[in-house]
PDB file of all heavy atoms in Angstrom:
ATOM      1  N   VAL A   1      17.712   6.256  10.423  1.00  0.00           N
ATOM      2  CA  VAL A   1      17.149   4.914  10.908  1.00  0.00           C
ATOM      3  C   VAL A   1      16.672   5.033  12.356  1.00  0.00           C
ATOM      4  O   VAL A   1      15.636   4.573  12.662  1.00  0.00           O
ATOM      5  CB  VAL A   1      18.201   3.854  10.726  1.00  0.00           C
ATOM      6  CG1 VAL A   1      17.821   2.545  11.479  1.00  0.00           C
ATOM      7  CG2 VAL A   1      18.600   3.547   9.328  1.00  0.00           C
ATOM      8  N   LYS A   2      17.438   5.752  13.158  1.00  0.00           N
ATOM      9  CA  LYS A   2      16.994   5.898  14.584  1.00  0.00           C
ATOM     10  C   LYS A   2      15.772   6.746  14.685  1.00  0.00           C
ATOM     11  O   LYS A   2      14.933   6.536  15.594  1.00  0.00           O
ATOM     12  CB  LYS A   2      18.181   6.562  15.341  1.00  0.00           C
ATOM     13  CG  LYS A   2      19.286   5.597  15.678  1.00  0.00           C
ATOM     14  CD  LYS A   2      20.381   6.238  16.481  1.00  0.00           C
ATOM     15  CE  LYS A   2      21.518   5.306  16.740  1.00  0.00           C
ATOM     16  NZ  LYS A   2      22.573   5.941  17.560  1.00  0.00           N
ATOM     17  N   GLN A   3      15.601   7.765  13.843  1.00  0.00           N
ATOM     18  CA  GLN A   3      14.422   8.584  13.897  1.00  0.00           C
ATOM     19  C   GLN A   3      13.153   7.914  13.344  1.00  0.00           C
ATOM     20  O   GLN A   3      12.058   8.145  13.855  1.00  0.00           O
ATOM     21  CB  GLN A   3      14.628   9.905  13.127  1.00  0.00           C
ATOM     22  CG  GLN A   3      15.655  10.810  13.777  1.00  0.00           C
ATOM     23  CD  GLN A   3      15.973  12.046  12.882  1.00  0.00           C
ATOM     24  OE1 GLN A   3      15.545  12.113  11.750  1.00  0.00           O
ATOM     25  NE2 GLN A   3      16.812  12.911  13.424  1.00  0.00           N
ATOM     26  N   ARG A   4      13.303   7.134  12.334  1.00  0.00           N
ATOM     27  CA  ARG A   4      12.177   6.457  11.648  1.00  0.00           C
ATOM     28  C   ARG A   4      12.465   4.922  11.435  1.00  0.00           C
ATOM     29  O   ARG A   4      12.597   4.476  10.291  1.00  0.00           O
ATOM     30  CB  ARG A   4      11.842   7.105  10.320  1.00  0.00           C
ATOM     31  CG  ARG A   4      11.421   8.521  10.446  1.00  0.00           C
ATOM     32  CD  ARG A   4      11.144   9.111   9.033  1.00  0.00           C
ATOM     33  NE  ARG A   4      11.465  10.553   9.091  1.00  0.00           N
ATOM     34  CZ  ARG A   4      12.676  11.113   8.945  1.00  0.00           C
ATOM     35  NH1 ARG A   4      13.691  10.345   8.690  1.00  0.00           N
ATOM     36  NH2 ARG A   4      12.805  12.373   8.986  1.00  0.00           N
ATOM     37  N   PRO A   5      12.590   4.141  12.544  1.00  0.00           N
ATOM     38  CA  PRO A   5      12.962   2.730  12.374  1.00  0.00           C
ATOM     39  C   PRO A   5      11.926   1.907  11.507  1.00  0.00           C
ATOM     40  O   PRO A   5      12.389   1.020  10.805  1.00  0.00           O
ATOM     41  CB  PRO A   5      13.007   2.246  13.844  1.00  0.00           C
ATOM     42  CG  PRO A   5      12.329   3.233  14.666  1.00  0.00           C
ATOM     43  CD  PRO A   5      12.319   4.547  13.900  1.00  0.00           C
ATOM     44  N   ASP A   6      10.656   2.220  11.643  1.00  0.00           N
ATOM     45  CA  ASP A   6       9.721   1.495  10.863  1.00  0.00           C
ATOM     46  C   ASP A   6       9.851   1.690   9.345  1.00  0.00           C
ATOM     47  O   ASP A   6       9.608   0.800   8.571  1.00  0.00           O
ATOM     48  CB  ASP A   6       8.217   1.892  11.294  1.00  0.00           C
ATOM     49  CG  ASP A   6       7.891   1.357  12.636  1.00  0.00           C
ATOM     50  OD1 ASP A   6       8.558   0.320  13.077  1.00  0.00           O
ATOM     51  OD2 ASP A   6       6.966   1.871  13.296  1.00  0.00           O
ATOM     52  N   SER A   7      10.315   2.827   8.937  1.00  0.00           N
ATOM     53  CA  SER A   7      10.566   3.123   7.501  1.00  0.00           C
ATOM     54  C   SER A   7      11.695   2.291   6.969  1.00  0.00           C
ATOM     55  O   SER A   7      11.755   2.010   5.750  1.00  0.00           O
ATOM     56  CB  SER A   7      10.840   4.592   7.343  1.00  0.00           C
ATOM     57  OG  SER A   7       9.773   5.399   7.731  1.00  0.00           O
ATOM     58  N   PHE A   8      12.592   1.864   7.791  1.00  0.00           N
ATOM     59  CA  PHE A   8      13.783   1.139   7.343  1.00  0.00           C
ATOM     60  C   PHE A   8      13.735  -0.338   7.646  1.00  0.00           C
ATOM     61  O   PHE A   8      14.608  -1.089   7.264  1.00  0.00           O
ATOM     62  CB  PHE A   8      15.078   1.725   7.963  1.00  0.00           C
ATOM     63  CG  PHE A   8      15.403   3.149   7.470  1.00  0.00           C
ATOM     64  CD1 PHE A   8      14.886   4.281   8.024  1.00  0.00           C
ATOM     65  CD2 PHE A   8      16.256   3.281   6.349  1.00  0.00           C
ATOM     66  CE1 PHE A   8      15.139   5.531   7.542  1.00  0.00           C
ATOM     67  CE2 PHE A   8      16.535   4.522   5.886  1.00  0.00           C
ATOM     68  CZ  PHE A   8      16.033   5.655   6.503  1.00  0.00           C
ATOM     69  N   ARG A   9      12.707  -0.791   8.334  1.00  0.00           N
ATOM     70  CA  ARG A   9      12.585  -2.158   8.757  1.00  0.00           C
ATOM     71  C   ARG A   9      12.761  -3.149   7.600  1.00  0.00           C
ATOM     72  O   ARG A   9      13.498  -4.184   7.712  1.00  0.00           O
ATOM     73  CB  ARG A   9      11.267  -2.439   9.525  1.00  0.00           C
ATOM     74  CG  ARG A   9      11.190  -3.805  10.050  1.00  0.00           C
ATOM     75  CD  ARG A   9       9.909  -4.036  10.858  1.00  0.00           C
ATOM     76  NE  ARG A   9       9.750  -2.945  11.895  1.00  0.00           N
ATOM     77  CZ  ARG A   9      10.394  -2.889  13.076  1.00  0.00           C
ATOM     78  NH1 ARG A   9      11.287  -3.802  13.391  1.00  0.00           N
ATOM     79  NH2 ARG A   9      10.184  -1.927  13.898  1.00  0.00           N
ATOM     80  N   SER A  10      12.117  -2.879   6.487  1.00  0.00           N
ATOM     81  CA  SER A  10      12.157  -3.842   5.336  1.00  0.00           C
ATOM     82  C   SER A  10      13.585  -3.965   4.761  1.00  0.00           C
ATOM     83  O   SER A  10      13.914  -4.898   4.147  1.00  0.00           O
ATOM     84  CB  SER A  10      11.164  -3.421   4.248  1.00  0.00           C
ATOM     85  OG  SER A  10      11.533  -2.201   3.654  1.00  0.00           O
ATOM     86  N   LEU A  11      14.414  -2.907   4.938  1.00  0.00           N
ATOM     87  CA  LEU A  11      15.771  -2.960   4.440  1.00  0.00           C
ATOM     88  C   LEU A  11      16.698  -3.802   5.306  1.00  0.00           C
ATOM     89  O   LEU A  11      17.666  -4.396   4.843  1.00  0.00           O
ATOM     90  CB  LEU A  11      16.362  -1.556   4.354  1.00  0.00           C
ATOM     91  CG  LEU A  11      15.702  -0.607   3.331  1.00  0.00           C
ATOM     92  CD1 LEU A  11      16.271   0.800   3.483  1.00  0.00           C
ATOM     93  CD2 LEU A  11      15.937  -1.115   1.913  1.00  0.00           C
ATOM     94  N   PHE A  12      16.370  -3.874   6.614  1.00  0.00           N
ATOM     95  CA  PHE A  12      17.244  -4.571   7.615  1.00  0.00           C
ATOM     96  C   PHE A  12      16.667  -5.895   8.094  1.00  0.00           C
ATOM     97  O   PHE A  12      17.400  -6.644   8.668  1.00  0.00           O
ATOM     98  CB  PHE A  12      17.629  -3.658   8.703  1.00  0.00           C
ATOM     99  CG  PHE A  12      18.361  -2.490   8.361  1.00  0.00           C
ATOM    100  CD1 PHE A  12      17.869  -1.194   8.189  1.00  0.00           C
ATOM    101  CD2 PHE A  12      19.804  -2.561   8.019  1.00  0.00           C
ATOM    102  CE1 PHE A  12      18.595  -0.110   7.857  1.00  0.00           C
ATOM    103  CE2 PHE A  12      20.519  -1.493   7.629  1.00  0.00           C
ATOM    104  CZ  PHE A  12      19.939  -0.207   7.519  1.00  0.00           C
ATOM    105  N   CYS A  13      15.416  -6.100   7.972  1.00  0.00           N
ATOM    106  CA  CYS A  13      14.758  -7.314   8.553  1.00  0.00           C
ATOM    107  C   CYS A  13      13.970  -8.036   7.448  1.00  0.00           C
ATOM    108  O   CYS A  13      13.203  -7.378   6.700  1.00  0.00           O
ATOM    109  CB  CYS A  13      13.787  -6.903   9.670  1.00  0.00           C
ATOM    110  SG  CYS A  13      14.555  -6.023  11.023  1.00  0.00           S
ATOM    111  N   HIS A  14      14.134  -9.314   7.371  1.00  0.00           N
ATOM    112  CA  HIS A  14      13.416 -10.109   6.396  1.00  0.00           C
ATOM    113  C   HIS A  14      12.004 -10.426   6.932  1.00  0.00           C
ATOM    114  O   HIS A  14      11.861 -10.876   8.098  1.00  0.00           O
ATOM    115  CB  HIS A  14      14.163 -11.456   6.146  1.00  0.00           C
ATOM    116  CG  HIS A  14      13.373 -12.387   5.341  1.00  0.00           C
ATOM    117  ND1 HIS A  14      13.106 -12.180   4.025  1.00  0.00           N
ATOM    118  CD2 HIS A  14      12.821 -13.603   5.652  1.00  0.00           C
ATOM    119  CE1 HIS A  14      12.360 -13.201   3.530  1.00  0.00           C
ATOM    120  NE2 HIS A  14      12.194 -14.100   4.577  1.00  0.00           N
ATOM    121  N   GLU A  15      10.995 -10.197   6.113  1.00  0.00           N
ATOM    122  CA  GLU A  15       9.675 -10.552   6.436  1.00  0.00           C
ATOM    123  C   GLU A  15       9.175 -11.503   5.367  1.00  0.00           C
ATOM    124  O   GLU A  15       9.084 -11.070   4.181  1.00  0.00           O
ATOM    125  CB  GLU A  15       8.785  -9.309   6.579  1.00  0.00           C
ATOM    126  CG  GLU A  15       9.166  -8.456   7.739  1.00  0.00           C
ATOM    127  CD  GLU A  15       8.274  -7.220   7.899  1.00  0.00           C
ATOM    128  OE1 GLU A  15       7.068  -7.288   7.417  1.00  0.00           O
ATOM    129  OE2 GLU A  15       8.686  -6.258   8.501  1.00  0.00           O
ATOM    130  N   PRO A  16       8.900 -12.719   5.738  1.00  0.00           N
ATOM    131  CA  PRO A  16       8.461 -13.698   4.683  1.00  0.00           C
ATOM    132  C   PRO A  16       7.211 -13.270   3.981  1.00  0.00           C
ATOM    133  O   PRO A  16       6.303 -12.623   4.556  1.00  0.00           O
ATOM    134  CB  PRO A  16       8.147 -14.964   5.434  1.00  0.00           C
ATOM    135  CG  PRO A  16       8.610 -14.715   6.888  1.00  0.00           C
ATOM    136  CD  PRO A  16       8.861 -13.237   7.045  1.00  0.00           C
ATOM    137  N   GLN A  17       7.202 -13.494   2.675  1.00  0.00           N
ATOM    138  CA  GLN A  17       6.021 -13.152   1.859  1.00  0.00           C
ATOM    139  C   GLN A  17       5.058 -14.285   1.890  1.00  0.00           C
ATOM    140  O   GLN A  17       5.444 -15.512   1.991  1.00  0.00           O
ATOM    141  CB  GLN A  17       6.427 -12.823   0.411  1.00  0.00           C
ATOM    142  CG  GLN A  17       7.282 -11.626   0.278  1.00  0.00           C
ATOM    143  CD  GLN A  17       7.651 -11.397  -1.184  1.00  0.00           C
ATOM    144  OE1 GLN A  17       7.588 -12.301  -1.976  1.00  0.00           O
ATOM    145  NE2 GLN A  17       8.116 -10.216  -1.482  1.00  0.00           N
ATOM    146  N   ARG A  18       3.807 -13.997   1.728  1.00  0.00           N
ATOM    147  CA  ARG A  18       2.763 -15.003   1.588  1.00  0.00           C
ATOM    148  C   ARG A  18       2.932 -15.681   0.189  1.00  0.00           C
ATOM    149  O   ARG A  18       2.996 -15.000  -0.828  1.00  0.00           O
ATOM    150  CB  ARG A  18       1.373 -14.374   1.690  1.00  0.00           C
ATOM    151  CG  ARG A  18       0.224 -15.330   1.675  1.00  0.00           C
ATOM    152  CD  ARG A  18      -1.083 -14.549   1.867  1.00  0.00           C
ATOM    153  NE  ARG A  18      -2.221 -15.449   1.775  1.00  0.00           N
ATOM    154  CZ  ARG A  18      -2.777 -15.876   0.649  1.00  0.00           C
ATOM    155  NH1 ARG A  18      -2.320 -15.493  -0.458  1.00  0.00           N
ATOM    156  NH2 ARG A  18      -3.775 -16.729   0.698  1.00  0.00           N
ATOM    157  N   LEU A  19       3.047 -17.033   0.190  1.00  0.00           N
ATOM    158  CA  LEU A  19       3.243 -17.692  -1.102  1.00  0.00           C
ATOM    159  C   LEU A  19       1.987 -17.662  -1.941  1.00  0.00           C
ATOM    160  O   LEU A  19       0.876 -17.748  -1.449  1.00  0.00           O
ATOM    161  CB  LEU A  19       3.588 -19.186  -0.797  1.00  0.00           C
ATOM    162  CG  LEU A  19       4.976 -19.423  -0.200  1.00  0.00           C
ATOM    163  CD1 LEU A  19       5.112 -20.911   0.147  1.00  0.00           C
ATOM    164  CD2 LEU A  19       6.087 -19.006  -1.130  1.00  0.00           C
ATOM    165  N   THR A  20       2.262 -17.471  -3.271  1.00  0.00           N
ATOM    166  CA  THR A  20       1.157 -17.577  -4.210  1.00  0.00           C
ATOM    167  C   THR A  20       1.495 -18.598  -5.328  1.00  0.00           C
ATOM    168  O   THR A  20       2.673 -18.973  -5.416  1.00  0.00           O
ATOM    169  CB  THR A  20       0.925 -16.142  -4.913  1.00  0.00           C
ATOM    170  OG1 THR A  20       2.110 -15.911  -5.701  1.00  0.00           O
ATOM    171  CG2 THR A  20       0.707 -15.075  -3.886  1.00  0.00           C
ATOM    172  N   ALA A  21       0.496 -18.990  -6.012  1.00  0.00           N
ATOM    173  CA  ALA A  21       0.736 -19.951  -7.114  1.00  0.00           C
ATOM    174  C   ALA A  21       1.753 -19.338  -8.157  1.00  0.00           C
ATOM    175  O   ALA A  21       2.603 -20.114  -8.622  1.00  0.00           O
ATOM    176  CB  ALA A  21      -0.595 -20.290  -7.783  1.00  0.00           C
ATOM    177  N   ASP A  22       1.600 -18.120  -8.483  1.00  0.00           N
ATOM    178  CA  ASP A  22       2.503 -17.520  -9.397  1.00  0.00           C
ATOM    179  C   ASP A  22       3.937 -17.485  -8.895  1.00  0.00           C
ATOM    180  O   ASP A  22       4.896 -17.735  -9.665  1.00  0.00           O
ATOM    181  CB  ASP A  22       2.070 -16.047  -9.742  1.00  0.00           C
ATOM    182  CG  ASP A  22       0.816 -16.019 -10.592  1.00  0.00           C
ATOM    183  OD1 ASP A  22       0.551 -17.062 -11.325  1.00  0.00           O
ATOM    184  OD2 ASP A  22       0.128 -15.007 -10.600  1.00  0.00           O
ATOM    185  N   MET A  23       4.122 -17.184  -7.620  1.00  0.00           N
ATOM    186  CA  MET A  23       5.479 -17.177  -7.033  1.00  0.00           C
ATOM    187  C   MET A  23       6.066 -18.615  -7.117  1.00  0.00           C
ATOM    188  O   MET A  23       7.265 -18.761  -7.481  1.00  0.00           O
ATOM    189  CB  MET A  23       5.389 -16.741  -5.561  1.00  0.00           C
ATOM    190  CG  MET A  23       5.183 -15.337  -5.336  1.00  0.00           C
ATOM    191  SD  MET A  23       4.863 -14.955  -3.591  1.00  0.00           S
ATOM    192  CE  MET A  23       6.457 -15.325  -2.894  1.00  0.00           C
ATOM    193  N   MET A  24       5.269 -19.600  -6.812  1.00  0.00           N
ATOM    194  CA  MET A  24       5.785 -20.970  -6.877  1.00  0.00           C
ATOM    195  C   MET A  24       6.092 -21.385  -8.306  1.00  0.00           C
ATOM    196  O   MET A  24       7.114 -22.065  -8.546  1.00  0.00           O
ATOM    197  CB  MET A  24       4.751 -21.988  -6.277  1.00  0.00           C
ATOM    198  CG  MET A  24       4.531 -21.792  -4.785  1.00  0.00           C
ATOM    199  SD  MET A  24       5.904 -22.445  -3.853  1.00  0.00           S
ATOM    200  CE  MET A  24       5.654 -24.167  -3.995  1.00  0.00           C
ATOM    201  N   ASP A  25       5.304 -21.020  -9.285  1.00  0.00           N
ATOM    202  CA  ASP A  25       5.531 -21.288 -10.649  1.00  0.00           C
ATOM    203  C   ASP A  25       6.808 -20.688 -11.135  1.00  0.00           C
ATOM    204  O   ASP A  25       7.604 -21.256 -11.845  1.00  0.00           O
ATOM    205  CB  ASP A  25       4.346 -20.869 -11.540  1.00  0.00           C
ATOM    206  CG  ASP A  25       4.518 -21.324 -12.958  1.00  0.00           C
ATOM    207  OD1 ASP A  25       5.006 -22.386 -13.208  1.00  0.00           O
ATOM    208  OD2 ASP A  25       4.052 -20.575 -13.900  1.00  0.00           O
ATOM    209  N   ASP A  26       7.021 -19.440 -10.759  1.00  0.00           N
ATOM    210  CA  ASP A  26       8.269 -18.685 -11.071  1.00  0.00           C
ATOM    211  C   ASP A  26       9.538 -19.332 -10.394  1.00  0.00           C
ATOM    212  O   ASP A  26      10.564 -19.265 -10.927  1.00  0.00           O
ATOM    213  CB  ASP A  26       8.147 -17.209 -10.734  1.00  0.00           C
ATOM    214  CG  ASP A  26       7.229 -16.434 -11.634  1.00  0.00           C
ATOM    215  OD1 ASP A  26       6.851 -16.937 -12.724  1.00  0.00           O
ATOM    216  OD2 ASP A  26       6.740 -15.378 -11.263  1.00  0.00           O
ATOM    217  N   LEU A  27       9.342 -19.845  -9.204  1.00  0.00           N
ATOM    218  CA  LEU A  27      10.359 -20.344  -8.379  1.00  0.00           C
ATOM    219  C   LEU A  27      11.003 -21.664  -8.998  1.00  0.00           C
ATOM    220  O   LEU A  27      12.233 -21.823  -8.989  1.00  0.00           O
ATOM    221  CB  LEU A  27       9.926 -20.619  -7.000  1.00  0.00           C
ATOM    222  CG  LEU A  27      10.963 -20.996  -5.957  1.00  0.00           C
ATOM    223  CD1 LEU A  27      12.001 -19.926  -5.665  1.00  0.00           C
ATOM    224  CD2 LEU A  27      10.248 -21.347  -4.643  1.00  0.00           C
ATOM    225  N   PHE A  28      10.131 -22.539  -9.468  1.00  0.00           N
ATOM    226  CA  PHE A  28      10.569 -23.825  -9.985  1.00  0.00           C
ATOM    227  C   PHE A  28      10.788 -23.736 -11.495  1.00  0.00           C
ATOM    228  O   PHE A  28       9.830 -23.467 -12.230  1.00  0.00           O
ATOM    229  CB  PHE A  28       9.541 -24.904  -9.649  1.00  0.00           C
ATOM    230  CG  PHE A  28       9.564 -25.284  -8.216  1.00  0.00           C
ATOM    231  CD1 PHE A  28       8.831 -24.572  -7.264  1.00  0.00           C
ATOM    232  CD2 PHE A  28      10.342 -26.375  -7.738  1.00  0.00           C
ATOM    233  CE1 PHE A  28       8.825 -24.951  -5.899  1.00  0.00           C
ATOM    234  CE2 PHE A  28      10.384 -26.705  -6.416  1.00  0.00           C
ATOM    235  CZ  PHE A  28       9.610 -26.025  -5.509  1.00  0.00           C
ATOM    236  N   THR A  29      12.017 -24.083 -11.929  1.00  0.00           N
ATOM    237  CA  THR A  29      12.301 -24.050 -13.355  1.00  0.00           C
ATOM    238  C   THR A  29      12.315 -25.493 -13.866  1.00  0.00           C
ATOM    239  O   THR A  29      13.083 -26.320 -13.409  1.00  0.00           O
ATOM    240  CB  THR A  29      13.724 -23.447 -13.590  1.00  0.00           C
ATOM    241  OG1 THR A  29      13.696 -22.143 -13.006  1.00  0.00           O
ATOM    242  CG2 THR A  29      14.078 -23.450 -15.071  1.00  0.00           C
ATOM    243  N   PRO A  30      11.430 -25.773 -14.854  1.00  0.00           N
ATOM    244  CA  PRO A  30      11.448 -27.109 -15.442  1.00  0.00           C
ATOM    245  C   PRO A  30      12.711 -27.437 -16.211  1.00  0.00           C
ATOM    246  O   PRO A  30      13.173 -26.557 -16.990  1.00  0.00           O
ATOM    247  CB  PRO A  30      10.181 -27.100 -16.377  1.00  0.00           C
ATOM    248  CG  PRO A  30       9.433 -25.866 -16.052  1.00  0.00           C
ATOM    249  CD  PRO A  30      10.426 -24.915 -15.378  1.00  0.00           C
ATOM    250  N   ARG A  31      13.235 -28.613 -15.996  1.00  0.00           N
ATOM    251  CA  ARG A  31      14.382 -29.058 -16.809  1.00  0.00           C
ATOM    252  C   ARG A  31      13.779 -29.964 -17.888  1.00  0.00           C
ATOM    253  O   ARG A  31      13.449 -31.208 -17.601  1.00  0.00           O
ATOM    254  CB  ARG A  31      15.390 -29.838 -15.970  1.00  0.00           C
ATOM    255  CG  ARG A  31      16.090 -28.962 -14.927  1.00  0.00           C
ATOM    256  CD  ARG A  31      17.135 -29.704 -14.227  1.00  0.00           C
ATOM    257  NE  ARG A  31      17.672 -28.940 -13.145  1.00  0.00           N
ATOM    258  CZ  ARG A  31      18.405 -29.456 -12.132  1.00  0.00           C
ATOM    259  NH1 ARG A  31      18.537 -30.712 -12.050  1.00  0.00           N
ATOM    260  NH2 ARG A  31      18.816 -28.656 -11.180  1.00  0.00           N
ATOM    261  N   LEU A  32      13.621 -29.472 -19.059  1.00  0.00           N
ATOM    262  CA  LEU A  32      12.921 -30.163 -20.140  1.00  0.00           C
ATOM    263  C   LEU A  32      13.913 -30.850 -21.079  1.00  0.00           C
ATOM    264  O   LEU A  32      14.943 -30.354 -21.313  1.00  0.00           O
ATOM    265  CB  LEU A  32      12.027 -29.204 -20.922  1.00  0.00           C
ATOM    266  CG  LEU A  32      10.994 -28.406 -20.125  1.00  0.00           C
ATOM    267  CD1 LEU A  32      10.425 -27.274 -20.904  1.00  0.00           C
ATOM    268  CD2 LEU A  32       9.906 -29.379 -19.676  1.00  0.00           C
ATOM    269  N   ALA A  33      13.389 -31.998 -21.652  1.00  0.00           N
ATOM    270  CA  ALA A  33      14.174 -32.718 -22.607  1.00  0.00           C
ATOM    271  C   ALA A  33      14.205 -31.829 -23.879  1.00  0.00           C
ATOM    272  O   ALA A  33      13.415 -30.940 -24.096  1.00  0.00           O
ATOM    273  CB  ALA A  33      13.518 -34.064 -22.875  1.00  0.00           C
ATOM    274  N   PRO A  34      15.074 -32.170 -24.848  1.00  0.00           N
ATOM    275  CA  PRO A  34      15.117 -31.380 -26.105  1.00  0.00           C
ATOM    276  C   PRO A  34      13.812 -31.486 -26.852  1.00  0.00           C
ATOM    277  O   PRO A  34      13.097 -32.486 -26.814  1.00  0.00           O
ATOM    278  CB  PRO A  34      16.251 -32.103 -26.879  1.00  0.00           C
ATOM    279  CG  PRO A  34      17.028 -32.790 -25.932  1.00  0.00           C
ATOM    280  CD  PRO A  34      16.081 -33.188 -24.830  1.00  0.00           C
ATOM    281  N   LYS A  35      13.450 -30.397 -27.580  1.00  0.00           N
ATOM    282  CA  LYS A  35      12.209 -30.353 -28.325  1.00  0.00           C
ATOM    283  C   LYS A  35      12.182 -31.393 -29.429  1.00  0.00           C
ATOM    284  O   LYS A  35      13.241 -31.709 -29.978  1.00  0.00           O
ATOM    285  CB  LYS A  35      12.025 -28.969 -28.971  1.00  0.00           C
ATOM    286  CG  LYS A  35      11.684 -27.873 -28.027  1.00  0.00           C
ATOM    287  CD  LYS A  35      11.401 -26.605 -28.718  1.00  0.00           C
ATOM    288  CE  LYS A  35      10.928 -25.600 -27.674  1.00  0.00           C
ATOM    289  NZ  LYS A  35      10.548 -24.276 -28.340  1.00  0.00           N
ATOM    290  N   GLY A  36      11.044 -31.885 -29.750  1.00  0.00           N
ATOM    291  CA  GLY A  36      10.805 -32.795 -30.795  1.00  0.00           C
ATOM    292  C   GLY A  36      10.785 -34.241 -30.455  1.00  0.00           C
ATOM    293  O   GLY A  36      10.288 -35.057 -31.194  1.00  0.00           O
ATOM    294  N   GLY A  37      11.183 -34.581 -29.241  1.00  0.00           N
ATOM    295  CA  GLY A  37      11.198 -35.962 -28.772  1.00  0.00           C
ATOM    296  C   GLY A  37       9.940 -36.350 -27.965  1.00  0.00           C
ATOM    297  O   GLY A  37       9.156 -35.538 -27.555  1.00  0.00           O
ATOM    298  N   ASN A  38       9.754 -37.668 -27.779  1.00  0.00           N
ATOM    299  CA  ASN A  38       8.643 -38.122 -26.984  1.00  0.00           C
ATOM    300  C   ASN A  38       8.755 -37.682 -25.612  1.00  0.00           C
ATOM    301  O   ASN A  38       7.720 -37.412 -24.931  1.00  0.00           O
ATOM    302  CB  ASN A  38       8.559 -39.679 -27.110  1.00  0.00           C
ATOM    303  CG  ASN A  38       8.148 -40.148 -28.425  1.00  0.00           C
ATOM    304  OD1 ASN A  38       7.490 -39.363 -29.225  1.00  0.00           O
ATOM    305  ND2 ASN A  38       8.489 -41.367 -28.781  1.00  0.00           N
ATOM    306  N   ARG A  39       9.917 -37.673 -24.988  1.00  0.00           N
ATOM    307  CA  ARG A  39      10.096 -37.163 -23.677  1.00  0.00           C
ATOM    308  C   ARG A  39       9.602 -35.809 -23.481  1.00  0.00           C
ATOM    309  O   ARG A  39       8.890 -35.484 -22.495  1.00  0.00           O
ATOM    310  CB  ARG A  39      11.566 -37.319 -23.178  1.00  0.00           C
ATOM    311  CG  ARG A  39      11.994 -38.699 -22.924  1.00  0.00           C
ATOM    312  CD  ARG A  39      13.462 -38.717 -22.479  1.00  0.00           C
ATOM    313  NE  ARG A  39      13.822 -40.072 -22.000  1.00  0.00           N
ATOM    314  CZ  ARG A  39      14.136 -40.380 -20.753  1.00  0.00           C
ATOM    315  NH1 ARG A  39      14.215 -39.405 -19.913  1.00  0.00           N
ATOM    316  NH2 ARG A  39      14.363 -41.591 -20.458  1.00  0.00           N
ATOM    317  N   ARG A  40       9.971 -34.943 -24.356  1.00  0.00           N
ATOM    318  CA  ARG A  40       9.521 -33.510 -24.299  1.00  0.00           C
ATOM    319  C   ARG A  40       7.999 -33.334 -24.421  1.00  0.00           C
ATOM    320  O   ARG A  40       7.377 -32.537 -23.684  1.00  0.00           O
ATOM    321  CB  ARG A  40      10.246 -32.685 -25.385  1.00  0.00           C
ATOM    322  CG  ARG A  40       9.823 -31.222 -25.421  1.00  0.00           C
ATOM    323  CD  ARG A  40      10.233 -30.474 -24.052  1.00  0.00           C
ATOM    324  NE  ARG A  40       9.941 -29.099 -24.080  1.00  0.00           N
ATOM    325  CZ  ARG A  40      10.782 -28.185 -24.451  1.00  0.00           C
ATOM    326  NH1 ARG A  40      11.977 -28.469 -24.715  1.00  0.00           N
ATOM    327  NH2 ARG A  40      10.407 -26.925 -24.429  1.00  0.00           N
ATOM    328  N   ARG A  41       7.382 -34.168 -25.325  1.00  0.00           N
ATOM    329  CA  ARG A  41       5.935 -34.083 -25.467  1.00  0.00           C
ATOM    330  C   ARG A  41       5.236 -34.558 -24.188  1.00  0.00           C
ATOM    331  O   ARG A  41       4.267 -33.902 -23.739  1.00  0.00           O
ATOM    332  CB  ARG A  41       5.451 -34.965 -26.614  1.00  0.00           C
ATOM    333  CG  ARG A  41       5.643 -34.301 -27.960  1.00  0.00           C
ATOM    334  CD  ARG A  41       4.919 -35.102 -29.066  1.00  0.00           C
ATOM    335  NE  ARG A  41       5.737 -36.244 -29.478  1.00  0.00           N
ATOM    336  CZ  ARG A  41       6.752 -36.185 -30.285  1.00  0.00           C
ATOM    337  NH1 ARG A  41       7.132 -35.058 -30.792  1.00  0.00           N
ATOM    338  NH2 ARG A  41       7.392 -37.270 -30.648  1.00  0.00           N
ATOM    339  N   ALA A  42       5.759 -35.560 -23.499  1.00  0.00           N
ATOM    340  CA  ALA A  42       5.225 -35.985 -22.198  1.00  0.00           C
ATOM    341  C   ALA A  42       5.383 -34.930 -21.130  1.00  0.00           C
ATOM    342  O   ALA A  42       4.487 -34.645 -20.370  1.00  0.00           O
ATOM    343  CB  ALA A  42       5.846 -37.343 -21.835  1.00  0.00           C
ATOM    344  N   GLU A  43       6.569 -34.313 -21.171  1.00  0.00           N
ATOM    345  CA  GLU A  43       6.836 -33.210 -20.162  1.00  0.00           C
ATOM    346  C   GLU A  43       5.893 -32.011 -20.337  1.00  0.00           C
ATOM    347  O   GLU A  43       5.443 -31.489 -19.469  1.00  0.00           O
ATOM    348  CB  GLU A  43       8.290 -32.871 -20.217  1.00  0.00           C
ATOM    349  CG  GLU A  43       9.248 -33.935 -19.756  1.00  0.00           C
ATOM    350  CD  GLU A  43      10.723 -33.673 -20.076  1.00  0.00           C
ATOM    351  OE1 GLU A  43      11.048 -32.716 -20.737  1.00  0.00           O
ATOM    352  OE2 GLU A  43      11.531 -34.541 -19.678  1.00  0.00           O
ATOM    353  N   ASP A  44       5.797 -31.612 -21.632  1.00  0.00           N
ATOM    354  CA  ASP A  44       4.929 -30.494 -21.974  1.00  0.00           C
ATOM    355  C   ASP A  44       3.497 -30.745 -21.550  1.00  0.00           C
ATOM    356  O   ASP A  44       2.778 -29.730 -21.294  1.00  0.00           O
ATOM    357  CB  ASP A  44       5.005 -30.203 -23.472  1.00  0.00           C
ATOM    358  CG  ASP A  44       6.299 -29.512 -23.859  1.00  0.00           C
ATOM    359  OD1 ASP A  44       6.997 -28.995 -23.015  1.00  0.00           O
ATOM    360  OD2 ASP A  44       6.598 -29.539 -25.105  1.00  0.00           O
ATOM    361  N   ALA A  45       3.026 -31.969 -21.484  1.00  0.00           N
ATOM    362  CA  ALA A  45       1.715 -32.293 -21.083  1.00  0.00           C
ATOM    363  C   ALA A  45       1.555 -32.142 -19.572  1.00  0.00           C
ATOM    364  O   ALA A  45       0.442 -31.913 -19.055  1.00  0.00           O
ATOM    365  CB  ALA A  45       1.296 -33.694 -21.549  1.00  0.00           C
TER     366      ALA A  45
END
């Protein structure tokens, strides 16, 4: 680590990632009503 600090930086220091639409979609989990009901159809839309 002392010889090559830049090589180990990502292991010891957090660097925020640039947000993308895919990251946001993966981050949020929909809580859906049970299948077959009107609520679920509305949520699926």
